[in-house]
Amino acid sequence: MTSAVANRAIGAIVGSAVADAAAQPLHWLYDLQKLKGILAQDPNPEFRSESANPFYRRQTGQQSCYGDQAYVLLESLSECGGLNADDLKQRTLKFFGQVQSMTRLSMTLTETVVAQDLSCLLKDHGDKQA
């Protein structure tokens, strides 16, 4: 992988993680009136100190469940040098546990990726400009 591609990949990963953590306090907030009220009080809600998420509470700066899932996937890809569905399943189970719904989602995602054989998307295709 060329350094330009590597730099863009690192930027995309870091940017995604920061954006996920910044938005996490408003995650799954679909009540538009509540959201309008929050934005009226603070038009810059990134890294909001008080969570308005109606389903779970995490400290500001922590990842959403999707950020956690991305972390597990990236860790597996990095450690295995590419997609290894068995490793991803084991890491997902270790991180999320057996009974959590995110485990089922991750397993479904993993099984879909393997079934579709999308691992070719993870290969380096040269330094193409986006």
C-alpha atoms as a PDB file:
ATOM      1  CA  MET A   1       0.000   0.000   0.000  1.00  0.00           C
ATOM      2  CA  THR A   2       1.459   3.373  -0.959  1.00  0.00           C
ATOM      3  CA  SER A   3       1.958   5.954   1.756  1.00  0.00           C
ATOM      4  CA  ALA A   4      -0.737   8.205   0.236  1.00  0.00           C
ATOM      5  CA  VAL A   5      -3.285   5.392   0.395  1.00  0.00           C
ATOM      6  CA  ALA A   6      -2.130   4.419   3.883  1.00  0.00           C
ATOM      7  CA  ASN A   7      -2.457   8.031   5.063  1.00  0.00           C
ATOM      8  CA  ARG A   8      -5.985   8.275   3.662  1.00  0.00           C
ATOM      9  CA  ALA A   9      -6.923   4.961   5.277  1.00  0.00           C
ATOM     10  CA  ILE A  10      -5.575   6.087   8.656  1.00  0.00           C
ATOM     11  CA  GLY A  11      -7.369   9.420   8.312  1.00  0.00           C
ATOM     12  CA  ALA A  12     -10.632   7.673   7.459  1.00  0.00           C
ATOM     13  CA  ILE A  13     -10.352   5.319  10.438  1.00  0.00           C
ATOM     14  CA  VAL A  14      -9.418   8.045  12.910  1.00  0.00           C
ATOM     15  CA  GLY A  15     -12.056  10.412  11.511  1.00  0.00           C
ATOM     16  CA  SER A  16     -14.714   7.727  11.755  1.00  0.00           C
ATOM     17  CA  ALA A  17     -13.805   6.932  15.369  1.00  0.00           C
ATOM     18  CA  VAL A  18     -13.818  10.612  16.389  1.00  0.00           C
ATOM     19  CA  ALA A  19     -17.129  11.274  14.599  1.00  0.00           C
ATOM     20  CA  ASP A  20     -18.708   8.213  16.227  1.00  0.00           C
ATOM     21  CA  ALA A  21     -17.611   9.326  19.698  1.00  0.00           C
ATOM     22  CA  ALA A  22     -18.720  12.915  19.026  1.00  0.00           C
ATOM     23  CA  ALA A  23     -22.199  11.841  17.919  1.00  0.00           C
ATOM     24  CA  GLN A  24     -22.694   9.051  20.457  1.00  0.00           C
ATOM     25  CA  PRO A  25     -24.665  11.163  23.010  1.00  0.00           C
ATOM     26  CA  LEU A  26     -27.328  11.799  20.328  1.00  0.00           C
ATOM     27  CA  HIS A  27     -27.254   8.282  18.922  1.00  0.00           C
ATOM     28  CA  TRP A  28     -30.659   6.818  18.095  1.00  0.00           C
ATOM     29  CA  LEU A  29     -32.461  10.079  18.955  1.00  0.00           C
ATOM     30  CA  TYR A  30     -35.338  10.078  16.487  1.00  0.00           C
ATOM     31  CA  ASP A  31     -37.689  12.425  18.350  1.00  0.00           C
ATOM     32  CA  LEU A  32     -37.331  15.527  16.160  1.00  0.00           C
ATOM     33  CA  GLN A  33     -38.908  17.841  18.731  1.00  0.00           C
ATOM     34  CA  LYS A  34     -36.416  16.710  21.367  1.00  0.00           C
ATOM     35  CA  LEU A  35     -33.552  17.072  18.904  1.00  0.00           C
ATOM     36  CA  LYS A  36     -34.708  20.583  17.933  1.00  0.00           C
ATOM     37  CA  GLY A  37     -34.839  21.490  21.638  1.00  0.00           C
ATOM     38  CA  ILE A  38     -31.309  20.225  22.198  1.00  0.00           C
ATOM     39  CA  LEU A  39     -29.997  22.100  19.156  1.00  0.00           C
ATOM     40  CA  ALA A  40     -31.795  25.275  20.243  1.00  0.00           C
ATOM     41  CA  GLN A  41     -29.888  25.148  23.543  1.00  0.00           C
ATOM     42  CA  ASP A  42     -26.588  24.181  21.949  1.00  0.00           C
ATOM     43  CA  PRO A  43     -26.203  24.393  18.165  1.00  0.00           C
ATOM     44  CA  ASN A  44     -22.856  22.515  18.436  1.00  0.00           C
ATOM     45  CA  PRO A  45     -23.842  19.237  20.099  1.00  0.00           C
ATOM     46  CA  GLU A  46     -20.711  17.241  19.304  1.00  0.00           C
ATOM     47  CA  PHE A  47     -19.293  15.578  22.416  1.00  0.00           C
ATOM     48  CA  ARG A  48     -22.408  16.668  24.338  1.00  0.00           C
ATOM     49  CA  SER A  49     -21.817  16.065  28.060  1.00  0.00           C
ATOM     50  CA  GLU A  50     -25.332  14.781  28.756  1.00  0.00           C
ATOM     51  CA  SER A  51     -26.553  11.814  26.749  1.00  0.00           C
ATOM     52  CA  ALA A  52     -29.954  12.155  25.094  1.00  0.00           C
ATOM     53  CA  ASN A  53     -29.817   8.611  23.751  1.00  0.00           C
ATOM     54  CA  PRO A  54     -33.096   6.922  24.685  1.00  0.00           C
ATOM     55  CA  PHE A  55     -31.639   3.382  24.628  1.00  0.00           C
ATOM     56  CA  TYR A  56     -28.276   3.407  26.400  1.00  0.00           C
ATOM     57  CA  ARG A  57     -25.884   5.683  28.266  1.00  0.00           C
ATOM     58  CA  ARG A  58     -22.148   5.876  27.768  1.00  0.00           C
ATOM     59  CA  GLN A  59     -19.675   8.471  28.897  1.00  0.00           C
ATOM     60  CA  THR A  60     -19.008  11.286  26.481  1.00  0.00           C
ATOM     61  CA  GLY A  61     -16.083  10.405  24.248  1.00  0.00           C
ATOM     62  CA  GLN A  62     -16.788   6.679  24.209  1.00  0.00           C
ATOM     63  CA  GLN A  63     -17.753   4.905  21.022  1.00  0.00           C
ATOM     64  CA  SER A  64     -21.285   3.907  20.101  1.00  0.00           C
ATOM     65  CA  CYS A  65     -21.942   0.196  19.648  1.00  0.00           C
ATOM     66  CA  TYR A  66     -21.132   0.707  15.963  1.00  0.00           C
ATOM     67  CA  GLY A  67     -17.770   2.224  16.842  1.00  0.00           C
ATOM     68  CA  ASP A  68     -17.088  -0.736  19.110  1.00  0.00           C
ATOM     69  CA  GLN A  69     -17.995  -3.098  16.289  1.00  0.00           C
ATOM     70  CA  ALA A  70     -15.690  -1.257  13.874  1.00  0.00           C
ATOM     71  CA  TYR A  71     -12.864  -1.494  16.434  1.00  0.00           C
ATOM     72  CA  VAL A  72     -13.269  -5.275  16.696  1.00  0.00           C
ATOM     73  CA  LEU A  73     -13.327  -5.619  12.897  1.00  0.00           C
ATOM     74  CA  LEU A  74     -10.242  -3.425  12.418  1.00  0.00           C
ATOM     75  CA  GLU A  75      -8.359  -5.267  15.151  1.00  0.00           C
ATOM     76  CA  SER A  76      -9.133  -8.601  13.494  1.00  0.00           C
ATOM     77  CA  LEU A  77      -8.180  -7.337  10.018  1.00  0.00           C
ATOM     78  CA  SER A  78      -4.918  -5.943  11.356  1.00  0.00           C
ATOM     79  CA  GLU A  79      -3.942  -8.996  13.387  1.00  0.00           C
ATOM     80  CA  CYS A  80      -4.875 -11.491  10.643  1.00  0.00           C
ATOM     81  CA  GLY A  81      -3.627  -9.490   7.679  1.00  0.00           C
ATOM     82  CA  GLY A  82      -7.087  -9.593   6.087  1.00  0.00           C
ATOM     83  CA  LEU A  83     -10.520 -11.034   6.623  1.00  0.00           C
ATOM     84  CA  ASN A  84     -10.639 -14.113   8.842  1.00  0.00           C
ATOM     85  CA  ALA A  85     -14.271 -14.827   9.678  1.00  0.00           C
ATOM     86  CA  ASP A  86     -13.489 -17.261  12.493  1.00  0.00           C
ATOM     87  CA  ASP A  87     -11.166 -14.764  14.181  1.00  0.00           C
ATOM     88  CA  LEU A  88     -13.736 -11.984  13.765  1.00  0.00           C
ATOM     89  CA  LYS A  89     -16.439 -14.154  15.336  1.00  0.00           C
ATOM     90  CA  GLN A  90     -14.221 -15.010  18.299  1.00  0.00           C
ATOM     91  CA  ARG A  91     -13.180 -11.400  18.866  1.00  0.00           C
ATOM     92  CA  THR A  92     -16.798 -10.255  18.599  1.00  0.00           C
ATOM     93  CA  LEU A  93     -17.926 -12.818  21.155  1.00  0.00           C
ATOM     94  CA  LYS A  94     -15.084 -11.858  23.489  1.00  0.00           C
ATOM     95  CA  PHE A  95     -15.794  -8.119  23.195  1.00  0.00           C
ATOM     96  CA  PHE A  96     -19.604  -8.125  23.305  1.00  0.00           C
ATOM     97  CA  GLY A  97     -20.406 -11.392  25.066  1.00  0.00           C
ATOM     98  CA  GLN A  98     -22.800 -14.178  24.114  1.00  0.00           C
ATOM     99  CA  VAL A  99     -26.156 -12.614  24.932  1.00  0.00           C
ATOM    100  CA  GLN A 100     -25.948  -9.084  23.632  1.00  0.00           C
ATOM    101  CA  SER A 101     -27.852  -8.158  20.507  1.00  0.00           C
ATOM    102  CA  MET A 102     -24.722  -6.621  18.955  1.00  0.00           C
ATOM    103  CA  THR A 103     -23.162 -10.084  18.937  1.00  0.00           C
ATOM    104  CA  ARG A 104     -26.030 -11.390  16.852  1.00  0.00           C
ATOM    105  CA  LEU A 105     -25.708  -8.384  14.529  1.00  0.00           C
ATOM    106  CA  SER A 106     -21.958  -8.892  14.225  1.00  0.00           C
ATOM    107  CA  MET A 107     -22.361 -12.595  13.553  1.00  0.00           C
ATOM    108  CA  THR A 108     -24.955 -11.867  10.886  1.00  0.00           C
ATOM    109  CA  LEU A 109     -22.631  -9.295   9.319  1.00  0.00           C
ATOM    110  CA  THR A 110     -19.705 -11.689   9.424  1.00  0.00           C
ATOM    111  CA  GLU A 111     -21.710 -14.533   7.917  1.00  0.00           C
ATOM    112  CA  THR A 112     -22.963 -12.216   5.180  1.00  0.00           C
ATOM    113  CA  VAL A 113     -19.441 -11.064   4.324  1.00  0.00           C
ATOM    114  CA  VAL A 114     -18.217 -14.646   4.156  1.00  0.00           C
ATOM    115  CA  ALA A 115     -21.236 -15.810   2.150  1.00  0.00           C
ATOM    116  CA  GLN A 116     -20.807 -12.970  -0.339  1.00  0.00           C
ATOM    117  CA  ASP A 117     -17.027 -13.475  -0.406  1.00  0.00           C
ATOM    118  CA  LEU A 118     -16.484  -9.737  -0.168  1.00  0.00           C
ATOM    119  CA  SER A 119     -12.966 -10.169   1.104  1.00  0.00           C
ATOM    120  CA  CYS A 120     -11.753  -8.963  -2.314  1.00  0.00           C
ATOM    121  CA  LEU A 121     -12.879  -5.487  -1.253  1.00  0.00           C
ATOM    122  CA  LEU A 122     -10.203  -5.494   1.442  1.00  0.00           C
ATOM    123  CA  LYS A 123      -7.317  -6.010  -0.993  1.00  0.00           C
ATOM    124  CA  ASP A 124      -5.077  -3.161  -2.063  1.00  0.00           C
ATOM    125  CA  HIS A 125      -6.052  -2.071  -5.575  1.00  0.00           C
ATOM    126  CA  GLY A 126      -3.288   0.476  -5.975  1.00  0.00           C
ATOM    127  CA  ASP A 127      -3.224   4.199  -5.354  1.00  0.00           C
ATOM    128  CA  LYS A 128      -6.420   5.335  -7.030  1.00  0.00           C
ATOM    129  CA  GLN A 129      -7.572   8.877  -6.399  1.00  0.00           C
ATOM    130  CA  ALA A 130     -10.985   9.170  -4.767  1.00  0.00           C
END
